Amino acid sequence: MMTRVSSGAREISVTKYVERLVLTARRIENLKLIVIDPASRFRGGDENAAQDTTRFIEALERVREQTGATVLVAHHTNKGSMNSDEASQNAQRGSAAFSDGIRWQMNLATMTSNDAKKLGIPEAMRRRYLKAAVVKNNYGPPAEDVVLHRNENGCLEKVTIERIGSASDDALLATVRDLIKSEAAAGRSHSATAFEKEFGGESGPMKLGKVALRGKLREWIRSKMLTVNGKKQLESDPSMPSGSGGSSYI
């Protein structure tokens, strides 16, 4: 803990750990960054109390001043911010004194349904995307929001609008293949039209409208990423592993 309530005292105070951290950091040549992750593991007192929060910010400032390194703190957001389309400084959990005391703040949140629609991201793929928004920057101009994609390993990478469409198509194609495979395993087969009616629609497993799904199926068939068998039934390519982004057959 960098701050805690002393025995018999009402106010919290900075602990000796702060000085130990400073002494350790000074041994690292050309140190540029110290990450505190998450804030809740390093602070005592009540996170909803402005005074307790301010003492923690002061501890962070002491580390920054005595090491010359940037101190980056990971802090959880409150529940209300998860449903908000507008990123703000008030998204942090606990007292607003946290945002008041820091110099730079970026909010990282799962893409909302409204933002996903604007970018053309299907609802089924929405949770793979996050938005990083700088909501406070004391030493620079406002910055544009950044869209990040969570890959299969959980790593985040920056994506452009063009790449969003490509990544969404790959994920959608993999979802179609998985559905074809699971239906075949259950002894059920579908034509392209029947597949569209069964699995299309905003309430379907892909959260994609039937017209949009129909367009994607036709596009994949034209580009030979998908094909139809002699009986015009959907088939899953046995040579491709489930969930892959490569070619499949329909």
Protein backbone atom coordinates (compact mmCIF):
# COMPACT_ATOMS: atom_id res chain seq x y z
CA MET A 1 0.00 0.00 0.00
CA MET A 2 1.20 3.50 -0.86
CA THR A 3 -1.37 5.03 1.50
CA ARG A 4 -3.23 3.62 4.48
CA VAL A 5 -5.05 4.57 7.67
CA SER A 6 -2.67 4.60 10.63
CA SER A 7 -3.76 2.86 13.81
CA GLY A 8 -5.81 5.22 15.96
CA ALA A 9 -5.84 7.94 13.32
CA ARG A 10 -8.68 9.21 11.13
CA GLU A 11 -6.68 10.46 8.19
CA ILE A 12 -4.68 8.29 5.84
CA SER A 13 -0.96 8.85 5.31
CA VAL A 14 1.73 7.93 2.81
CA THR A 15 3.56 4.71 3.70
CA LYS A 16 7.28 3.88 3.62
CA TYR A 17 6.62 1.82 0.49
CA VAL A 18 6.63 5.03 -1.55
CA GLU A 19 10.20 5.81 -0.51
CA ARG A 20 11.26 2.20 -1.15
CA LEU A 21 9.75 2.41 -4.63
CA VAL A 22 11.61 5.64 -5.33
CA LEU A 23 14.95 4.20 -4.16
CA THR A 24 14.46 1.09 -6.30
CA ALA A 25 13.42 3.08 -9.36
CA ARG A 26 16.48 5.32 -9.10
CA ARG A 27 18.71 2.30 -9.65
CA ILE A 28 17.23 1.80 -13.12
CA GLU A 29 19.12 3.85 -15.67
CA ASN A 30 17.06 6.06 -17.99
CA LEU A 31 13.77 4.92 -16.45
CA LYS A 32 10.82 6.50 -18.29
CA LEU A 33 7.67 4.77 -17.03
CA ILE A 34 6.29 3.32 -13.79
CA VAL A 35 2.93 1.51 -13.99
CA ILE A 36 0.63 1.15 -10.97
CA ASP A 37 -1.86 -1.60 -11.82
CA PRO A 38 -4.51 -1.45 -10.54
CA ALA A 39 -4.84 1.55 -8.25
CA SER A 40 -7.01 -0.35 -5.75
CA ARG A 41 -4.13 -2.65 -4.81
CA PHE A 42 -1.87 0.23 -3.79
CA ARG A 43 -4.15 2.56 -1.89
CA GLY A 44 -5.86 2.46 1.49
CA GLY A 45 -8.77 4.39 2.95
CA ASP A 46 -12.08 5.02 1.23
CA GLU A 47 -11.90 5.44 -2.55
CA ASN A 48 -15.15 7.43 -2.42
CA ALA A 49 -13.63 9.99 -0.07
CA ALA A 50 -12.02 12.98 -1.77
CA GLN A 51 -9.44 13.45 0.98
CA ASP A 52 -8.27 9.82 0.87
CA THR A 53 -8.09 9.94 -2.92
CA THR A 54 -6.08 13.16 -2.87
CA ARG A 55 -3.49 11.61 -0.50
CA PHE A 56 -3.04 8.75 -3.00
CA ILE A 57 -2.57 11.20 -5.89
CA GLU A 58 0.02 13.04 -3.79
CA ALA A 59 1.90 9.78 -3.29
CA LEU A 60 1.96 9.24 -7.04
CA GLU A 61 3.19 12.79 -7.57
CA ARG A 62 6.03 12.19 -5.10
CA VAL A 63 7.15 9.15 -7.08
CA ARG A 64 7.04 11.13 -10.32
CA GLU A 65 8.95 14.09 -8.92
CA GLN A 66 11.69 12.02 -7.29
CA THR A 67 12.25 9.59 -10.17
CA GLY A 68 11.56 11.76 -13.22
CA ALA A 69 9.49 8.93 -14.70
CA THR A 70 5.92 9.12 -15.93
CA VAL A 71 3.56 7.33 -13.53
CA LEU A 72 0.71 5.56 -15.32
CA VAL A 73 -2.15 4.28 -13.15
CA ALA A 74 -4.72 1.70 -14.23
CA HIS A 75 -8.04 2.32 -12.51
CA HIS A 76 -11.45 0.69 -12.92
CA THR A 77 -14.47 2.58 -14.21
CA ASN A 78 -17.86 2.87 -12.55
CA LYS A 79 -20.89 0.87 -13.73
CA GLY A 80 -22.71 3.90 -15.11
CA SER A 81 -19.98 4.69 -17.61
CA MET A 82 -20.35 1.27 -19.27
CA ASN A 83 -23.71 2.26 -20.77
CA SER A 84 -22.71 5.76 -21.82
CA ASP A 85 -21.98 6.67 -25.43
CA GLU A 86 -20.04 9.76 -24.36
CA ALA A 87 -16.65 9.29 -22.66
CA SER A 88 -16.05 11.69 -19.78
CA GLN A 89 -13.71 12.35 -16.87
CA ASN A 90 -16.40 11.08 -14.50
CA ALA A 91 -16.04 7.49 -15.67
CA GLN A 92 -13.57 6.56 -12.91
CA ARG A 93 -14.73 4.57 -9.90
CA GLY A 94 -14.80 6.43 -6.63
CA SER A 95 -14.25 10.10 -5.85
CA ALA A 96 -13.97 12.69 -8.62
CA ALA A 97 -10.81 13.86 -6.87
CA PHE A 98 -9.00 11.13 -8.78
CA SER A 99 -9.62 12.76 -12.15
CA ASP A 100 -9.15 16.24 -10.67
CA GLY A 101 -5.65 15.37 -9.45
CA ILE A 102 -4.19 13.57 -12.46
CA ARG A 103 -2.86 15.32 -15.56
CA TRP A 104 -3.92 12.90 -18.32
CA GLN A 105 -6.79 10.41 -18.54
CA MET A 106 -7.73 7.85 -21.17
CA ASN A 107 -10.94 5.85 -20.88
CA LEU A 108 -10.92 2.34 -22.34
CA ALA A 109 -14.32 0.71 -22.83
CA THR A 110 -16.06 -1.91 -24.93
CA MET A 111 -17.64 -0.46 -28.05
CA THR A 112 -21.25 0.59 -27.44
CA SER A 113 -24.04 -0.61 -29.73
CA ASN A 114 -24.52 2.89 -31.16
CA ASP A 115 -20.81 3.34 -31.94
CA ALA A 116 -20.65 -0.15 -33.45
CA LYS A 117 -23.53 0.64 -35.81
CA LYS A 118 -21.85 3.85 -36.96
CA LEU A 119 -18.68 1.90 -37.81
CA GLY A 120 -20.52 -1.00 -39.46
CA ILE A 121 -19.57 -3.56 -36.81
CA PRO A 122 -22.13 -6.40 -36.42
CA GLU A 123 -23.59 -6.70 -32.92
CA ALA A 124 -22.19 -10.23 -32.57
CA MET A 125 -18.66 -8.85 -33.11
CA ARG A 126 -19.06 -5.68 -31.04
CA ARG A 127 -17.38 -6.93 -27.88
CA ARG A 128 -14.20 -7.62 -29.83
CA TYR A 129 -13.76 -3.85 -30.24
CA LEU A 130 -12.89 -1.19 -27.69
CA LYS A 131 -12.70 2.57 -27.84
CA ALA A 132 -9.84 4.47 -26.24
CA ALA A 133 -10.78 8.09 -25.60
CA VAL A 134 -8.49 10.73 -24.08
CA VAL A 135 -10.82 12.78 -21.87
CA LYS A 136 -8.19 14.89 -20.09
CA ASN A 137 -4.88 16.19 -21.39
CA ASN A 138 -3.37 19.10 -19.49
CA TYR A 139 -0.26 19.35 -21.65
CA GLY A 140 -1.58 18.91 -25.16
CA PRO A 141 -4.47 19.40 -27.59
CA PRO A 142 -7.56 17.16 -27.74
CA ALA A 143 -6.90 13.76 -29.31
CA GLU A 144 -9.10 11.68 -31.58
CA ASP A 145 -10.60 8.45 -30.25
CA VAL A 146 -8.74 5.25 -31.10
CA VAL A 147 -10.49 1.98 -32.04
CA LEU A 148 -8.84 -1.22 -30.81
CA HIS A 149 -9.52 -4.82 -31.82
CA ARG A 150 -9.13 -7.70 -29.35
CA ASN A 151 -7.54 -10.63 -31.18
CA GLU A 152 -7.80 -14.34 -30.30
CA ASN A 153 -4.96 -14.04 -27.76
CA GLY A 154 -6.64 -11.13 -25.99
CA CYS A 155 -4.08 -8.60 -27.25
CA LEU A 156 -5.34 -5.23 -28.43
CA GLU A 157 -4.28 -3.67 -31.72
CA LYS A 158 -5.19 -0.36 -33.30
CA VAL A 159 -7.43 -0.64 -36.35
CA THR A 160 -8.58 1.76 -39.05
CA ILE A 161 -12.12 2.02 -40.41
CA GLU A 162 -11.06 -0.03 -43.45
CA ARG A 163 -9.57 -2.78 -41.30
CA ILE A 164 -12.65 -2.85 -39.08
CA GLY A 165 -14.73 -3.97 -42.05
CA SER A 166 -12.19 -6.61 -43.02
CA ALA A 167 -11.86 -8.00 -39.48
CA SER A 168 -15.63 -8.05 -39.02
CA ASP A 169 -16.08 -9.98 -42.28
CA ASP A 170 -13.48 -12.56 -41.22
CA ALA A 171 -15.18 -13.07 -37.87
CA LEU A 172 -18.61 -13.25 -39.49
CA LEU A 173 -17.39 -15.83 -42.01
CA ALA A 174 -15.99 -17.94 -39.16
CA THR A 175 -19.34 -17.71 -37.35
CA VAL A 176 -21.21 -18.88 -40.48
CA ARG A 177 -18.86 -21.85 -40.84
CA ASP A 178 -19.31 -22.81 -37.19
CA LEU A 179 -23.10 -22.69 -37.57
CA ILE A 180 -22.98 -24.85 -40.70
CA LYS A 181 -20.79 -27.38 -38.91
CA SER A 182 -22.94 -27.55 -35.78
CA GLU A 183 -26.12 -27.91 -37.83
CA ALA A 184 -24.57 -30.72 -39.90
CA ALA A 185 -23.52 -32.51 -36.71
CA ALA A 186 -27.17 -32.37 -35.60
CA GLY A 187 -28.32 -33.85 -38.93
CA ARG A 188 -29.68 -30.61 -40.32
CA SER A 189 -28.75 -28.95 -43.61
CA HIS A 190 -29.86 -25.68 -45.19
CA SER A 191 -29.87 -23.96 -48.52
CA ALA A 192 -28.44 -20.45 -48.61
CA THR A 193 -31.96 -18.99 -48.52
CA ALA A 194 -33.02 -21.24 -45.65
CA PHE A 195 -29.83 -20.37 -43.75
CA GLU A 196 -30.56 -16.69 -44.15
CA LYS A 197 -34.11 -17.09 -42.83
CA GLU A 198 -33.04 -19.33 -39.95
CA PHE A 199 -30.03 -17.40 -38.66
CA GLY A 200 -30.44 -13.88 -40.05
CA GLY A 201 -32.12 -11.01 -38.24
CA GLU A 202 -31.12 -8.76 -35.37
CA SER A 203 -32.36 -11.36 -32.88
CA GLY A 204 -30.42 -14.20 -34.53
CA PRO A 205 -27.08 -15.60 -33.31
CA MET A 206 -25.09 -13.29 -35.59
CA LYS A 207 -27.13 -10.14 -34.78
CA LEU A 208 -27.08 -9.32 -38.49
CA GLY A 209 -30.10 -8.37 -40.59
CA LYS A 210 -31.30 -10.88 -43.18
CA VAL A 211 -30.68 -8.52 -46.08
CA ALA A 212 -27.14 -7.83 -44.85
CA LEU A 213 -26.47 -11.55 -44.38
CA ARG A 214 -27.82 -12.29 -47.86
CA GLY A 215 -25.43 -9.71 -49.29
CA LYS A 216 -22.47 -11.20 -47.47
CA LEU A 217 -23.28 -14.73 -48.65
CA ARG A 218 -23.50 -13.59 -52.26
CA GLU A 219 -20.29 -11.59 -51.94
CA TRP A 220 -18.38 -14.57 -50.54
CA ILE A 221 -19.72 -16.87 -53.24
CA ARG A 222 -18.74 -14.45 -56.01
CA SER A 223 -15.24 -14.11 -54.57
CA LYS A 224 -15.01 -17.93 -54.28
CA MET A 225 -14.52 -17.71 -50.55
CA LEU A 226 -17.73 -19.77 -50.36
CA THR A 227 -19.29 -22.29 -52.71
CA VAL A 228 -22.47 -24.40 -52.98
CA ASN A 229 -22.67 -28.15 -53.46
CA GLY A 230 -24.69 -29.93 -56.13
CA LYS A 231 -27.78 -30.07 -53.94
CA LYS A 232 -27.46 -26.36 -53.12
CA GLN A 233 -27.03 -27.28 -49.49
CA LEU A 234 -24.63 -25.61 -47.05
CA GLU A 235 -21.50 -27.52 -46.21
CA SER A 236 -18.58 -26.89 -43.90
CA ASP A 237 -15.15 -27.46 -45.38
CA PRO A 238 -13.62 -30.36 -43.39
CA SER A 239 -10.09 -29.17 -44.22
CA MET A 240 -10.56 -25.88 -42.39
CA PRO A 241 -10.51 -25.76 -38.55
CA SER A 242 -13.53 -24.30 -36.80
CA GLY A 243 -13.29 -20.58 -36.18
CA SER A 244 -10.54 -19.95 -38.72
CA GLY A 245 -10.68 -16.89 -40.90
CA GLY A 246 -9.81 -18.72 -44.10
CA SER A 247 -11.99 -20.01 -46.92
CA SER A 248 -15.01 -22.18 -46.26
CA TYR A 249 -17.76 -23.75 -48.32
CA ILE A 250 -21.49 -23.18 -48.45
